[in-house]
Amino acid sequence: MKSLNVSYLGQSRAWWLVLVVGILLVIGGFAYWFFPVEGYAVASQIFGWLLILAGIVQLCVSSGENRPRGWGWWLAGGVIDMFIGFMLVRSVILAEVVFPYFLAFVFIFWGIEALIRASNKGGKYWWLGIINGILLCLIGFFFLEAGYVQNMMMVSFLTSIAFIYWGFTVAMVAYEMRPAVEE
């Protein structure tokens, strides 16, 4: 008898692309953790390119032949991620000034999305989605505070933590999206 694996995100054959984005985010986070002084301008550029990559993956997943359930969130997230990514890679000076605010917007958006997804109780561990949403919103609010005081070291620390946390979150979502193996 076949068991159903239904979640809010649905299933997709492109789950491995989402996993690759998660792994790249974790690697970027650890790289930034070990080189914070040299990496402030580089981090905004790397984060911009990773956001563009994440946006492309989200658009591919949302527009695929087997669209996952909740594809509208993937589409909206992809457009927002690509817009913010292009703004960050466009100008290094602009990116350094507004980097904390862009990150705050992204993390608050994804935190609200995670809370809404968890409220639908679509998976076995729906309560982890609530914890994830709260943590993502907190990271976003910390970026707002860091941007307000323009504390570069605080932004550097938060950026590395955010890369690592977001990467693990995206990787977990990828495993949730794997199609069920038919027996």
N, C-alpha and C. Protein backbone atom coordinates (compact mmCIF):
# COMPACT_ATOMS: atom_id res chain seq x y z
N MET A 1 0.84 -1.18 0.00
CA MET A 1 0.00 0.00 0.00
C MET A 1 0.89 1.25 0.00
N LYS A 2 0.53 2.19 -0.83
CA LYS A 2 1.32 3.40 -0.98
C LYS A 2 0.91 4.42 0.08
N SER A 3 1.90 4.97 0.78
CA SER A 3 1.59 6.01 1.76
C SER A 3 1.74 7.37 1.09
N LEU A 4 0.91 8.30 1.51
CA LEU A 4 0.93 9.64 0.94
C LEU A 4 1.89 10.52 1.72
N ASN A 5 2.68 11.29 1.01
CA ASN A 5 3.60 12.24 1.62
C ASN A 5 3.16 13.63 1.18
N VAL A 6 2.20 14.19 1.88
CA VAL A 6 1.63 15.47 1.49
C VAL A 6 2.10 16.54 2.47
N SER A 7 2.62 17.61 1.95
CA SER A 7 3.00 18.75 2.79
C SER A 7 2.53 20.02 2.11
N TYR A 8 2.70 21.13 2.79
CA TYR A 8 2.27 22.41 2.25
C TYR A 8 3.03 22.76 0.98
N LEU A 9 4.31 22.41 0.94
CA LEU A 9 5.13 22.76 -0.21
C LEU A 9 4.92 21.84 -1.39
N GLY A 10 4.40 20.67 -1.14
CA GLY A 10 4.21 19.72 -2.21
C GLY A 10 5.51 19.01 -2.54
N GLN A 11 5.49 18.28 -3.64
CA GLN A 11 6.66 17.52 -4.05
C GLN A 11 7.10 17.99 -5.42
N SER A 12 8.39 17.88 -5.66
CA SER A 12 8.92 18.31 -6.94
C SER A 12 10.16 17.49 -7.27
N ARG A 13 10.35 17.23 -8.55
CA ARG A 13 11.57 16.55 -8.98
C ARG A 13 12.77 17.49 -8.91
N ALA A 14 12.54 18.78 -8.75
CA ALA A 14 13.63 19.75 -8.67
C ALA A 14 14.06 19.99 -7.22
N TRP A 15 13.74 19.08 -6.32
CA TRP A 15 14.09 19.24 -4.91
C TRP A 15 15.60 19.37 -4.71
N TRP A 16 16.37 18.73 -5.56
CA TRP A 16 17.82 18.75 -5.40
C TRP A 16 18.40 20.13 -5.70
N LEU A 17 17.72 20.92 -6.56
CA LEU A 17 18.17 22.30 -6.79
C LEU A 17 18.03 23.13 -5.53
N VAL A 18 16.93 22.92 -4.82
CA VAL A 18 16.72 23.63 -3.56
C VAL A 18 17.78 23.21 -2.55
N LEU A 19 18.14 21.93 -2.53
CA LEU A 19 19.19 21.44 -1.64
C LEU A 19 20.54 22.08 -1.96
N VAL A 20 20.86 22.24 -3.25
CA VAL A 20 22.12 22.86 -3.65
C VAL A 20 22.17 24.31 -3.16
N VAL A 21 21.07 25.04 -3.27
CA VAL A 21 21.03 26.42 -2.77
C VAL A 21 21.27 26.44 -1.27
N GLY A 22 20.66 25.51 -0.54
CA GLY A 22 20.88 25.44 0.90
C GLY A 22 22.32 25.18 1.26
N ILE A 23 22.96 24.27 0.56
CA ILE A 23 24.36 23.96 0.82
C ILE A 23 25.25 25.16 0.52
N LEU A 24 24.98 25.86 -0.58
CA LEU A 24 25.76 27.05 -0.92
C LEU A 24 25.59 28.15 0.13
N LEU A 25 24.38 28.29 0.67
CA LEU A 25 24.15 29.29 1.72
C LEU A 25 24.95 28.95 2.97
N VAL A 26 24.99 27.68 3.36
CA VAL A 26 25.76 27.28 4.54
C VAL A 26 27.25 27.52 4.32
N ILE A 27 27.76 27.16 3.16
CA ILE A 27 29.18 27.38 2.85
C ILE A 27 29.50 28.89 2.88
N GLY A 28 28.61 29.69 2.29
CA GLY A 28 28.81 31.14 2.32
C GLY A 28 28.80 31.69 3.73
N GLY A 29 27.94 31.16 4.58
CA GLY A 29 27.87 31.61 5.97
C GLY A 29 29.14 31.30 6.74
N PHE A 30 29.67 30.09 6.57
CA PHE A 30 30.91 29.75 7.27
C PHE A 30 32.09 30.55 6.73
N ALA A 31 32.13 30.79 5.43
CA ALA A 31 33.20 31.60 4.86
C ALA A 31 33.16 33.01 5.43
N TYR A 32 31.98 33.56 5.56
CA TYR A 32 31.84 34.92 6.10
C TYR A 32 32.15 34.95 7.59
N TRP A 33 31.84 33.86 8.29
CA TRP A 33 32.12 33.77 9.73
C TRP A 33 33.62 33.89 9.99
N PHE A 34 34.43 33.24 9.14
CA PHE A 34 35.87 33.23 9.36
C PHE A 34 36.59 34.45 8.79
N PHE A 35 35.96 35.20 7.89
CA PHE A 35 36.59 36.38 7.30
C PHE A 35 35.64 37.58 7.37
N PRO A 36 35.26 38.05 8.57
CA PRO A 36 34.26 39.13 8.66
C PRO A 36 34.78 40.49 8.23
N VAL A 37 36.03 40.81 8.53
CA VAL A 37 36.55 42.14 8.22
C VAL A 37 36.69 42.33 6.72
N GLU A 38 37.25 41.33 6.06
CA GLU A 38 37.47 41.43 4.62
C GLU A 38 36.17 41.26 3.83
N GLY A 39 35.19 40.69 4.48
CA GLY A 39 34.05 40.24 3.71
C GLY A 39 32.80 41.08 3.70
N TYR A 40 32.78 42.27 4.29
CA TYR A 40 31.52 43.02 4.34
C TYR A 40 31.02 43.36 2.93
N ALA A 41 31.88 43.94 2.12
CA ALA A 41 31.47 44.27 0.74
C ALA A 41 31.28 43.01 -0.08
N VAL A 42 32.17 42.04 0.13
CA VAL A 42 32.07 40.78 -0.60
C VAL A 42 30.79 40.05 -0.20
N ALA A 43 30.44 40.10 1.08
CA ALA A 43 29.25 39.39 1.55
C ALA A 43 27.99 39.93 0.90
N SER A 44 27.92 41.23 0.74
CA SER A 44 26.73 41.79 0.09
C SER A 44 26.64 41.33 -1.36
N GLN A 45 27.79 41.21 -2.02
CA GLN A 45 27.79 40.73 -3.40
C GLN A 45 27.46 39.24 -3.46
N ILE A 46 28.09 38.45 -2.58
CA ILE A 46 27.80 37.02 -2.55
C ILE A 46 26.34 36.78 -2.22
N PHE A 47 25.84 37.49 -1.22
CA PHE A 47 24.45 37.31 -0.83
C PHE A 47 23.53 37.72 -1.97
N GLY A 48 23.89 38.78 -2.69
CA GLY A 48 23.09 39.20 -3.84
C GLY A 48 23.04 38.12 -4.90
N TRP A 49 24.18 37.53 -5.23
CA TRP A 49 24.21 36.46 -6.24
C TRP A 49 23.48 35.21 -5.75
N LEU A 50 23.61 34.89 -4.46
CA LEU A 50 22.88 33.74 -3.93
C LEU A 50 21.37 34.00 -3.94
N LEU A 51 20.98 35.23 -3.68
CA LEU A 51 19.56 35.56 -3.76
C LEU A 51 19.05 35.43 -5.20
N ILE A 52 19.85 35.85 -6.15
CA ILE A 52 19.45 35.69 -7.56
C ILE A 52 19.31 34.21 -7.89
N LEU A 53 20.29 33.40 -7.47
CA LEU A 53 20.22 31.95 -7.69
C LEU A 53 19.00 31.35 -7.00
N ALA A 54 18.77 31.74 -5.75
CA ALA A 54 17.61 31.22 -5.02
C ALA A 54 16.31 31.66 -5.71
N GLY A 55 16.26 32.87 -6.21
CA GLY A 55 15.08 33.35 -6.92
C GLY A 55 14.82 32.56 -8.20
N ILE A 56 15.88 32.27 -8.94
CA ILE A 56 15.73 31.48 -10.17
C ILE A 56 15.21 30.09 -9.84
N VAL A 57 15.77 29.47 -8.80
CA VAL A 57 15.30 28.14 -8.40
C VAL A 57 13.84 28.20 -7.98
N GLN A 58 13.47 29.21 -7.21
CA GLN A 58 12.08 29.33 -6.77
C GLN A 58 11.14 29.53 -7.96
N LEU A 59 11.55 30.33 -8.92
CA LEU A 59 10.72 30.52 -10.11
C LEU A 59 10.60 29.23 -10.91
N CYS A 60 11.69 28.48 -11.01
CA CYS A 60 11.64 27.19 -11.72
C CYS A 60 10.72 26.21 -11.02
N VAL A 61 10.81 26.14 -9.71
CA VAL A 61 9.95 25.23 -8.95
C VAL A 61 8.49 25.63 -9.07
N SER A 62 8.21 26.94 -9.01
CA SER A 62 6.82 27.40 -9.05
C SER A 62 6.20 27.32 -10.44
N SER A 63 7.03 27.32 -11.47
CA SER A 63 6.48 27.30 -12.83
C SER A 63 6.62 25.95 -13.50
N GLY A 64 7.11 24.98 -12.78
CA GLY A 64 7.33 23.67 -13.36
C GLY A 64 6.03 22.97 -13.71
N GLU A 65 6.20 21.90 -14.43
CA GLU A 65 5.08 21.09 -14.87
C GLU A 65 4.31 20.52 -13.68
N ASN A 66 5.02 20.07 -12.67
CA ASN A 66 4.41 19.52 -11.46
C ASN A 66 4.56 20.54 -10.34
N ARG A 67 3.85 21.65 -10.45
CA ARG A 67 3.95 22.70 -9.45
C ARG A 67 3.61 22.17 -8.07
N PRO A 68 4.42 22.52 -7.07
CA PRO A 68 4.09 22.10 -5.72
C PRO A 68 2.92 22.90 -5.17
N ARG A 69 2.27 22.33 -4.20
CA ARG A 69 1.21 23.05 -3.51
C ARG A 69 1.85 24.26 -2.83
N GLY A 70 1.21 25.39 -2.85
CA GLY A 70 1.79 26.61 -2.31
C GLY A 70 2.75 27.27 -3.27
N TRP A 71 2.58 27.04 -4.58
CA TRP A 71 3.51 27.56 -5.57
C TRP A 71 3.50 29.08 -5.63
N GLY A 72 2.42 29.72 -5.18
CA GLY A 72 2.37 31.18 -5.18
C GLY A 72 3.42 31.80 -4.26
N TRP A 73 3.65 31.14 -3.12
CA TRP A 73 4.70 31.61 -2.22
C TRP A 73 6.06 31.47 -2.87
N TRP A 74 6.26 30.39 -3.62
CA TRP A 74 7.53 30.20 -4.31
C TRP A 74 7.72 31.28 -5.37
N LEU A 75 6.64 31.60 -6.09
CA LEU A 75 6.71 32.62 -7.13
C LEU A 75 7.01 33.99 -6.52
N ALA A 76 6.26 34.36 -5.47
CA ALA A 76 6.47 35.66 -4.83
C ALA A 76 7.86 35.75 -4.22
N GLY A 77 8.28 34.69 -3.55
CA GLY A 77 9.61 34.68 -2.96
C GLY A 77 10.71 34.77 -4.00
N GLY A 78 10.51 34.10 -5.14
CA GLY A 78 11.50 34.15 -6.21
C GLY A 78 11.64 35.54 -6.80
N VAL A 79 10.52 36.21 -7.02
CA VAL A 79 10.56 37.57 -7.57
C VAL A 79 11.23 38.52 -6.58
N ILE A 80 10.85 38.43 -5.30
CA ILE A 80 11.43 39.31 -4.29
C ILE A 80 12.92 39.04 -4.13
N ASP A 81 13.31 37.75 -4.07
CA ASP A 81 14.72 37.42 -3.92
C ASP A 81 15.54 37.92 -5.10
N MET A 82 15.02 37.76 -6.31
CA MET A 82 15.76 38.23 -7.48
C MET A 82 15.87 39.75 -7.50
N PHE A 83 14.81 40.44 -7.14
CA PHE A 83 14.85 41.91 -7.10
C PHE A 83 15.90 42.40 -6.12
N ILE A 84 15.86 41.86 -4.90
CA ILE A 84 16.83 42.29 -3.89
C ILE A 84 18.24 41.87 -4.29
N GLY A 85 18.39 40.68 -4.86
CA GLY A 85 19.70 40.23 -5.32
C GLY A 85 20.29 41.15 -6.37
N PHE A 86 19.47 41.54 -7.35
CA PHE A 86 19.97 42.45 -8.39
C PHE A 86 20.31 43.82 -7.83
N MET A 87 19.56 44.28 -6.84
CA MET A 87 19.88 45.56 -6.22
C MET A 87 21.22 45.48 -5.47
N LEU A 88 21.49 44.34 -4.83
CA LEU A 88 22.74 44.20 -4.09
C LEU A 88 23.96 44.10 -5.01
N VAL A 89 23.85 43.42 -6.15
CA VAL A 89 25.01 43.27 -7.03
C VAL A 89 25.20 44.47 -7.95
N ARG A 90 24.22 45.33 -8.02
CA ARG A 90 24.29 46.49 -8.92
C ARG A 90 25.36 47.48 -8.50
N SER A 91 25.44 47.76 -7.20
CA SER A 91 26.38 48.76 -6.72
C SER A 91 26.92 48.35 -5.35
N VAL A 92 28.24 48.28 -5.22
CA VAL A 92 28.86 47.87 -3.96
C VAL A 92 28.58 48.91 -2.87
N ILE A 93 28.66 50.17 -3.21
CA ILE A 93 28.43 51.23 -2.21
C ILE A 93 26.98 51.20 -1.73
N LEU A 94 26.05 51.09 -2.67
CA LEU A 94 24.63 50.99 -2.29
C LEU A 94 24.40 49.74 -1.46
N ALA A 95 25.02 48.64 -1.84
CA ALA A 95 24.83 47.38 -1.13
C ALA A 95 25.32 47.48 0.31
N GLU A 96 26.46 48.13 0.53
CA GLU A 96 26.98 48.25 1.88
C GLU A 96 26.10 49.10 2.77
N VAL A 97 25.49 50.13 2.20
CA VAL A 97 24.64 51.03 3.00
C VAL A 97 23.32 50.37 3.35
N VAL A 98 22.70 49.72 2.39
CA VAL A 98 21.35 49.19 2.60
C VAL A 98 21.33 47.69 2.85
N PHE A 99 22.48 47.06 2.93
CA PHE A 99 22.56 45.61 3.13
C PHE A 99 21.75 45.12 4.33
N PRO A 100 21.88 45.73 5.51
CA PRO A 100 21.09 45.23 6.64
C PRO A 100 19.58 45.34 6.43
N TYR A 101 19.14 46.39 5.74
CA TYR A 101 17.70 46.57 5.52
C TYR A 101 17.15 45.57 4.51
N PHE A 102 17.93 45.30 3.46
CA PHE A 102 17.51 44.27 2.51
C PHE A 102 17.39 42.92 3.21
N LEU A 103 18.40 42.59 4.02
CA LEU A 103 18.36 41.32 4.73
C LEU A 103 17.19 41.27 5.71
N ALA A 104 16.93 42.37 6.37
CA ALA A 104 15.79 42.41 7.30
C ALA A 104 14.50 42.12 6.57
N PHE A 105 14.32 42.74 5.42
CA PHE A 105 13.10 42.53 4.63
C PHE A 105 12.97 41.07 4.20
N VAL A 106 14.06 40.49 3.71
CA VAL A 106 14.02 39.10 3.25
C VAL A 106 13.68 38.16 4.40
N PHE A 107 14.35 38.32 5.53
CA PHE A 107 14.13 37.39 6.63
C PHE A 107 12.76 37.57 7.28
N ILE A 108 12.27 38.78 7.36
CA ILE A 108 10.92 38.98 7.89
C ILE A 108 9.89 38.37 6.94
N PHE A 109 10.08 38.54 5.63
CA PHE A 109 9.17 37.93 4.65
C PHE A 109 9.14 36.42 4.80
N TRP A 110 10.32 35.80 4.86
CA TRP A 110 10.38 34.34 4.97
C TRP A 110 9.90 33.86 6.33
N GLY A 111 10.07 34.67 7.37
CA GLY A 111 9.54 34.30 8.68
C GLY A 111 8.02 34.29 8.69
N ILE A 112 7.42 35.30 8.08
CA ILE A 112 5.95 35.35 7.99
C ILE A 112 5.45 34.20 7.14
N GLU A 113 6.14 33.92 6.04
CA GLU A 113 5.75 32.80 5.18
C GLU A 113 5.82 31.48 5.93
N ALA A 114 6.87 31.29 6.74
CA ALA A 114 7.01 30.05 7.51
C ALA A 114 5.91 29.93 8.56
N LEU A 115 5.54 31.05 9.17
CA LEU A 115 4.46 31.02 10.16
C LEU A 115 3.12 30.67 9.50
N ILE A 116 2.87 31.23 8.34
CA ILE A 116 1.62 30.91 7.64
C ILE A 116 1.61 29.45 7.20
N ARG A 117 2.74 28.98 6.67
CA ARG A 117 2.82 27.59 6.24
C ARG A 117 2.62 26.65 7.42
N ALA A 118 3.21 26.98 8.56
CA ALA A 118 3.09 26.13 9.75
C ALA A 118 1.67 26.16 10.31
N SER A 119 0.97 27.28 10.15
CA SER A 119 -0.39 27.36 10.68
C SER A 119 -1.35 26.44 9.92
N ASN A 120 -0.98 26.06 8.71
CA ASN A 120 -1.81 25.11 7.95
C ASN A 120 -1.60 23.67 8.42
N LYS A 121 -0.60 23.46 9.25
CA LYS A 121 -0.29 22.14 9.82
C LYS A 121 -0.24 21.07 8.75
N GLY A 122 0.53 21.35 7.69
CA GLY A 122 0.60 20.44 6.56
C GLY A 122 1.58 19.30 6.72
N GLY A 123 2.45 19.34 7.70
CA GLY A 123 3.45 18.29 7.84
C GLY A 123 3.43 17.69 9.22
N LYS A 124 4.23 16.69 9.38
CA LYS A 124 4.30 15.99 10.66
C LYS A 124 4.90 16.90 11.74
N TYR A 125 5.89 17.68 11.37
CA TYR A 125 6.55 18.56 12.33
C TYR A 125 6.19 20.01 12.07
N TRP A 126 4.92 20.32 12.05
CA TRP A 126 4.45 21.68 11.76
C TRP A 126 4.93 22.67 12.80
N TRP A 127 5.13 22.24 14.02
CA TRP A 127 5.57 23.13 15.08
C TRP A 127 6.99 23.63 14.85
N LEU A 128 7.81 22.87 14.12
CA LEU A 128 9.13 23.37 13.76
C LEU A 128 9.03 24.56 12.81
N GLY A 129 7.99 24.57 11.99
CA GLY A 129 7.75 25.70 11.12
C GLY A 129 7.46 26.97 11.90
N ILE A 130 6.74 26.84 13.01
CA ILE A 130 6.46 28.00 13.85
C ILE A 130 7.75 28.51 14.48
N ILE A 131 8.57 27.60 14.99
CA ILE A 131 9.85 28.00 15.57
C ILE A 131 10.73 28.65 14.50
N ASN A 132 10.77 28.05 13.31
CA ASN A 132 11.54 28.61 12.20
C ASN A 132 11.06 30.01 11.85
N GLY A 133 9.75 30.19 11.75
CA GLY A 133 9.20 31.51 11.42
C GLY A 133 9.55 32.56 12.46
N ILE A 134 9.45 32.19 13.73
CA ILE A 134 9.79 33.13 14.79
C ILE A 134 11.27 33.50 14.73
N LEU A 135 12.14 32.48 14.55
CA LEU A 135 13.58 32.76 14.47
C LEU A 135 13.93 33.62 13.27
N LEU A 136 13.31 33.35 12.12
CA LEU A 136 13.59 34.17 10.93
C LEU A 136 13.13 35.60 11.14
N CYS A 137 11.98 35.81 11.76
CA CYS A 137 11.52 37.17 12.05
C CYS A 137 12.45 37.87 13.03
N LEU A 138 12.93 37.14 14.05
CA LEU A 138 13.88 37.72 15.00
C LEU A 138 15.18 38.14 14.31
N ILE A 139 15.69 37.28 13.43
CA ILE A 139 16.90 37.65 12.68
C ILE A 139 16.63 38.91 11.87
N GLY A 140 15.46 38.99 11.23
CA GLY A 140 15.11 40.19 10.47
C GLY A 140 15.07 41.44 11.33
N PHE A 141 14.47 41.34 12.52
CA PHE A 141 14.41 42.50 13.41
C PHE A 141 15.79 42.88 13.94
N PHE A 142 16.66 41.89 14.16
CA PHE A 142 18.03 42.20 14.57
C PHE A 142 18.77 42.94 13.46
N PHE A 143 18.51 42.57 12.20
CA PHE A 143 19.13 43.30 11.09
C PHE A 143 18.63 44.73 11.03
N LEU A 144 17.36 44.95 11.32
CA LEU A 144 16.85 46.32 11.37
C LEU A 144 17.58 47.13 12.42
N GLU A 145 17.78 46.53 13.59
CA GLU A 145 18.49 47.22 14.67
C GLU A 145 19.94 47.46 14.29
N ALA A 146 20.60 46.48 13.69
CA ALA A 146 22.00 46.63 13.28
C ALA A 146 22.14 47.71 12.22
N GLY A 147 21.18 47.78 11.30
CA GLY A 147 21.23 48.81 10.27
C GLY A 147 21.01 50.19 10.84
N TYR A 148 20.19 50.27 11.87
CA TYR A 148 19.89 51.56 12.49
C TYR A 148 21.12 52.14 13.17
N VAL A 149 21.87 51.30 13.87
CA VAL A 149 23.05 51.79 14.56
C VAL A 149 24.30 51.71 13.70
N GLN A 150 24.19 51.11 12.50
CA GLN A 150 25.31 50.97 11.56
C GLN A 150 26.52 50.31 12.22
N ASN A 151 26.27 49.24 12.93
CA ASN A 151 27.34 48.48 13.57
C ASN A 151 27.77 47.38 12.61
N MET A 152 28.91 47.58 11.95
CA MET A 152 29.35 46.65 10.93
C MET A 152 29.67 45.27 11.48
N MET A 153 30.24 45.20 12.68
CA MET A 153 30.56 43.89 13.24
C MET A 153 29.28 43.12 13.60
N MET A 154 28.27 43.82 14.07
CA MET A 154 27.01 43.15 14.37
C MET A 154 26.36 42.65 13.08
N VAL A 155 26.40 43.45 12.05
CA VAL A 155 25.86 43.03 10.76
C VAL A 155 26.65 41.84 10.23
N SER A 156 27.98 41.86 10.39
CA SER A 156 28.80 40.74 9.93
C SER A 156 28.45 39.46 10.67
N PHE A 157 28.32 39.53 11.97
CA PHE A 157 27.98 38.35 12.76
C PHE A 157 26.59 37.84 12.39
N LEU A 158 25.62 38.75 12.31
CA LEU A 158 24.26 38.34 11.96
C LEU A 158 24.20 37.76 10.55
N THR A 159 24.98 38.32 9.64
CA THR A 159 24.97 37.81 8.27
C THR A 159 25.48 36.38 8.22
N SER A 160 26.56 36.09 8.92
CA SER A 160 27.08 34.73 8.90
C SER A 160 26.10 33.76 9.55
N ILE A 161 25.50 34.15 10.66
CA ILE A 161 24.50 33.30 11.32
C ILE A 161 23.30 33.11 10.40
N ALA A 162 22.87 34.18 9.75
CA ALA A 162 21.71 34.10 8.87
C ALA A 162 21.98 33.20 7.67
N PHE A 163 23.16 33.31 7.07
CA PHE A 163 23.52 32.42 5.95
C PHE A 163 23.43 30.96 6.39
N ILE A 164 24.05 30.66 7.52
CA ILE A 164 24.10 29.27 8.00
C ILE A 164 22.70 28.77 8.32
N TYR A 165 21.95 29.56 9.08
CA TYR A 165 20.60 29.15 9.48
C TYR A 165 19.69 28.99 8.26
N TRP A 166 19.75 29.96 7.37
CA TRP A 166 18.90 29.92 6.18
C TRP A 166 19.27 28.73 5.30
N GLY A 167 20.55 28.44 5.19
CA GLY A 167 20.99 27.30 4.40
C GLY A 167 20.45 25.99 4.94
N PHE A 168 20.53 25.80 6.26
CA PHE A 168 19.99 24.59 6.85
C PHE A 168 18.47 24.51 6.68
N THR A 169 17.80 25.64 6.79
CA THR A 169 16.35 25.67 6.62
C THR A 169 15.97 25.29 5.19
N VAL A 170 16.67 25.85 4.22
CA VAL A 170 16.38 25.55 2.81
C VAL A 170 16.68 24.08 2.51
N ALA A 171 17.76 23.55 3.09
CA ALA A 171 18.08 22.13 2.88
C ALA A 171 17.00 21.23 3.47
N MET A 172 16.47 21.58 4.63
CA MET A 172 15.39 20.77 5.22
C MET A 172 14.13 20.83 4.37
N VAL A 173 13.85 22.00 3.81
CA VAL A 173 12.69 22.14 2.93
C VAL A 173 12.87 21.26 1.69
N ALA A 174 14.09 21.18 1.20
CA ALA A 174 14.37 20.35 0.01
C ALA A 174 14.03 18.89 0.28
N TYR A 175 14.40 18.39 1.43
CA TYR A 175 14.09 16.99 1.75
C TYR A 175 12.60 16.78 1.92
N GLU A 176 11.89 17.79 2.35
CA GLU A 176 10.44 17.69 2.46
C GLU A 176 9.77 17.66 1.09
N MET A 177 10.45 18.22 0.09
CA MET A 177 9.89 18.29 -1.26
C MET A 177 10.15 17.05 -2.10
N ARG A 178 10.99 16.13 -1.62
CA ARG A 178 11.30 14.95 -2.41
C ARG A 178 10.04 14.16 -2.72
N PRO A 179 9.90 13.71 -3.95
CA PRO A 179 8.75 12.86 -4.27
C PRO A 179 8.81 11.53 -3.51
N ALA A 180 7.65 11.03 -3.17
CA ALA A 180 7.57 9.76 -2.45
C ALA A 180 8.04 8.64 -3.37
N VAL A 181 8.78 7.72 -2.81
CA VAL A 181 9.26 6.57 -3.58
C VAL A 181 8.13 5.55 -3.65
N GLU A 182 7.80 5.17 -4.87
CA GLU A 182 6.72 4.19 -5.06
C GLU A 182 7.28 2.79 -4.91
N GLU A 183 6.54 1.97 -4.17
CA GLU A 183 6.98 0.59 -3.95
C GLU A 183 6.19 -0.37 -4.78
